[in-house]
Amino acid sequence: MTPERMRLVSFSLPYYLDGAGFLVRDAQFTRLQDLQRRRVGLLQGSSLVPTVRHVLPQATLVPLLSYQEGYGQLSRGQVDAFAGDVTTLVGWQQEHPGYTLLPTLASTEPLAIALPRVLSSTISAPLLMPRSQAGMKVAG
């Protein structure tokens, strides 16, 4: 949900909160500030570019074409960290032990469903209801 996208479409209420994180291979990097003056890979044209520039102004940003290229450069030591969506980076970390997701996030991003403007209230209504009214069974 970016301001640019909000001009084009409506959004449901957020259904998930993701964020921008940093995956590292080297144990010497334990906090975000350890990446100052280091090479940080991220997807070329990503909405994360301004965020990473803001939190790591002295880092060298390395634009990459895909997550696969990012993983390859990180595994070969061509970048010191890879910035991306936490949900994706957690998956990498689970598949490749030895990689660490730094504990500090650069941002948090609400995820929502993009809709034609006339449908946003229809889609959001069940998200506002108590689960029992939205047709969901309440455990207990």
Protein backbone atom coordinates (compact mmCIF):
# COMPACT_ATOMS: atom_id res chain seq x y z
CA MET A 1 0.00 0.00 0.00
CA THR A 2 1.98 2.93 -1.27
CA PRO A 3 0.68 6.47 -1.88
CA GLU A 4 1.22 5.95 -5.62
CA ARG A 5 -0.87 2.79 -5.63
CA MET A 6 -3.55 4.37 -3.45
CA ARG A 7 -4.15 6.97 -6.17
CA LEU A 8 -4.95 4.20 -8.66
CA VAL A 9 -6.96 1.70 -6.63
CA SER A 10 -8.61 1.22 -3.26
CA PHE A 11 -7.36 -1.27 -0.70
CA SER A 12 -9.00 -3.55 1.80
CA LEU A 13 -7.96 -3.21 5.40
CA PRO A 14 -4.49 -4.69 5.95
CA TYR A 15 -4.54 -8.45 6.49
CA TYR A 16 -0.83 -8.99 7.19
CA LEU A 17 2.14 -6.97 8.39
CA ASP A 18 5.46 -7.61 6.65
CA GLY A 19 8.59 -5.51 6.62
CA ALA A 20 12.04 -4.94 5.22
CA GLY A 21 14.80 -6.99 6.79
CA PHE A 22 18.41 -7.92 6.19
CA LEU A 23 19.78 -11.42 5.73
CA VAL A 24 23.49 -11.94 6.45
CA ARG A 25 25.85 -14.87 6.20
CA ASP A 26 28.69 -13.60 8.34
CA ALA A 27 28.30 -13.82 12.13
CA GLN A 28 30.20 -10.54 12.52
CA PHE A 29 26.99 -8.74 11.50
CA THR A 30 24.58 -8.84 14.42
CA ARG A 31 22.82 -5.47 14.21
CA LEU A 32 21.70 -3.13 11.50
CA GLN A 33 24.45 -0.56 12.12
CA ASP A 34 27.09 -3.23 11.41
CA LEU A 35 26.12 -2.86 7.75
CA GLN A 36 27.22 0.78 7.43
CA ARG A 37 30.02 1.03 4.83
CA ARG A 38 29.16 -2.50 3.61
CA ARG A 39 27.68 -3.82 0.37
CA VAL A 40 23.95 -4.46 0.63
CA GLY A 41 22.12 -6.19 -2.20
CA LEU A 42 18.47 -5.51 -2.97
CA LEU A 43 16.11 -5.83 -5.90
CA GLN A 44 16.66 -3.21 -8.59
CA GLY A 45 13.80 -0.70 -8.56
CA SER A 46 12.45 -2.05 -5.28
CA SER A 47 10.38 0.20 -3.03
CA LEU A 48 12.97 -0.66 -0.36
CA VAL A 49 15.69 1.43 -2.01
CA PRO A 50 14.78 4.75 -0.28
CA THR A 51 14.23 2.97 3.03
CA VAL A 52 17.60 1.22 2.95
CA ARG A 53 19.32 4.46 1.88
CA HIS A 54 17.71 6.17 4.89
CA VAL A 55 18.66 3.58 7.53
CA LEU A 56 22.09 2.78 6.04
CA PRO A 57 23.25 6.04 4.39
CA GLN A 58 26.90 4.92 4.25
CA ALA A 59 26.23 1.47 2.78
CA THR A 60 26.86 0.70 -0.89
CA LEU A 61 23.59 -0.49 -2.43
CA VAL A 62 23.98 -3.20 -5.06
CA PRO A 63 20.96 -3.47 -7.39
CA LEU A 64 20.12 -7.07 -8.31
CA LEU A 65 17.68 -8.52 -10.82
CA SER A 66 16.16 -11.29 -8.68
CA TYR A 67 16.08 -12.88 -5.25
CA GLN A 68 18.08 -15.78 -6.75
CA GLU A 69 20.83 -13.39 -7.83
CA GLY A 70 20.76 -11.89 -4.33
CA TYR A 71 21.18 -15.28 -2.70
CA GLY A 72 24.03 -16.13 -5.10
CA GLN A 73 25.91 -12.90 -4.40
CA LEU A 74 25.38 -13.28 -0.66
CA SER A 75 26.60 -16.89 -0.67
CA ARG A 76 29.72 -15.93 -2.68
CA GLY A 77 30.47 -12.95 -0.42
CA GLN A 78 29.92 -10.38 -3.19
CA VAL A 79 27.46 -8.57 -0.91
CA ASP A 80 27.52 -8.52 2.89
CA ALA A 81 23.73 -8.54 3.28
CA PHE A 82 20.59 -8.83 1.23
CA ALA A 83 17.60 -6.57 1.96
CA GLY A 84 14.14 -7.87 1.21
CA ASP A 85 10.72 -8.73 2.55
CA VAL A 86 11.01 -10.49 5.90
CA THR A 87 8.57 -13.20 4.83
CA THR A 88 10.84 -14.18 1.92
CA LEU A 89 14.05 -13.87 3.94
CA VAL A 90 12.68 -16.12 6.71
CA GLY A 91 12.04 -18.76 4.04
CA TRP A 92 15.65 -18.47 2.84
CA GLN A 93 16.90 -18.75 6.39
CA GLN A 94 14.90 -21.94 6.95
CA GLU A 95 16.21 -23.48 3.71
CA HIS A 96 19.81 -22.41 4.28
CA PRO A 97 21.03 -22.71 7.86
CA GLY A 98 23.99 -20.47 8.52
CA TYR A 99 22.20 -17.33 7.34
CA THR A 100 20.85 -14.91 9.90
CA LEU A 101 18.01 -12.43 9.72
CA LEU A 102 19.05 -9.33 11.64
CA PRO A 103 16.62 -8.54 14.48
CA THR A 104 15.97 -4.90 13.51
CA LEU A 105 13.61 -4.18 10.63
CA ALA A 106 14.13 -1.22 8.32
CA SER A 107 10.39 -0.79 7.88
CA THR A 108 7.02 -2.39 8.40
CA GLU A 109 4.63 -2.75 5.49
CA PRO A 110 0.90 -3.48 5.77
CA LEU A 111 -0.36 -5.82 3.04
CA ALA A 112 -3.87 -5.42 1.68
CA ILE A 113 -5.92 -6.46 -1.32
CA ALA A 114 -5.92 -3.96 -4.21
CA LEU A 115 -9.45 -3.39 -5.46
CA PRO A 116 -11.46 -1.24 -7.81
CA ARG A 117 -12.58 1.74 -5.73
CA VAL A 118 -16.23 0.63 -5.59
CA LEU A 119 -15.39 -2.71 -3.90
CA SER A 120 -13.13 -1.69 -1.00
CA SER A 121 -15.91 -1.34 1.62
CA THR A 122 -17.48 -4.65 0.53
CA ILE A 123 -14.19 -6.50 0.95
CA SER A 124 -13.19 -4.75 4.18
CA ALA A 125 -16.52 -5.29 5.97
CA PRO A 126 -15.79 -8.92 7.00
CA LEU A 127 -12.37 -7.85 8.30
CA LEU A 128 -14.11 -5.46 10.72
CA MET A 129 -16.69 -7.97 11.98
CA PRO A 130 -16.21 -10.23 14.96
CA ARG A 131 -15.19 -13.64 13.64
CA SER A 132 -18.50 -15.23 14.62
CA GLN A 133 -20.44 -12.75 12.44
CA ALA A 134 -18.05 -13.14 9.48
CA GLY A 135 -18.88 -16.85 9.27
CA MET A 136 -15.73 -17.99 11.05
CA LYS A 137 -15.94 -20.51 13.85
CA VAL A 138 -14.57 -19.18 17.12
CA ALA A 139 -12.45 -21.74 18.97
CA GLY A 140 -13.10 -22.13 22.61
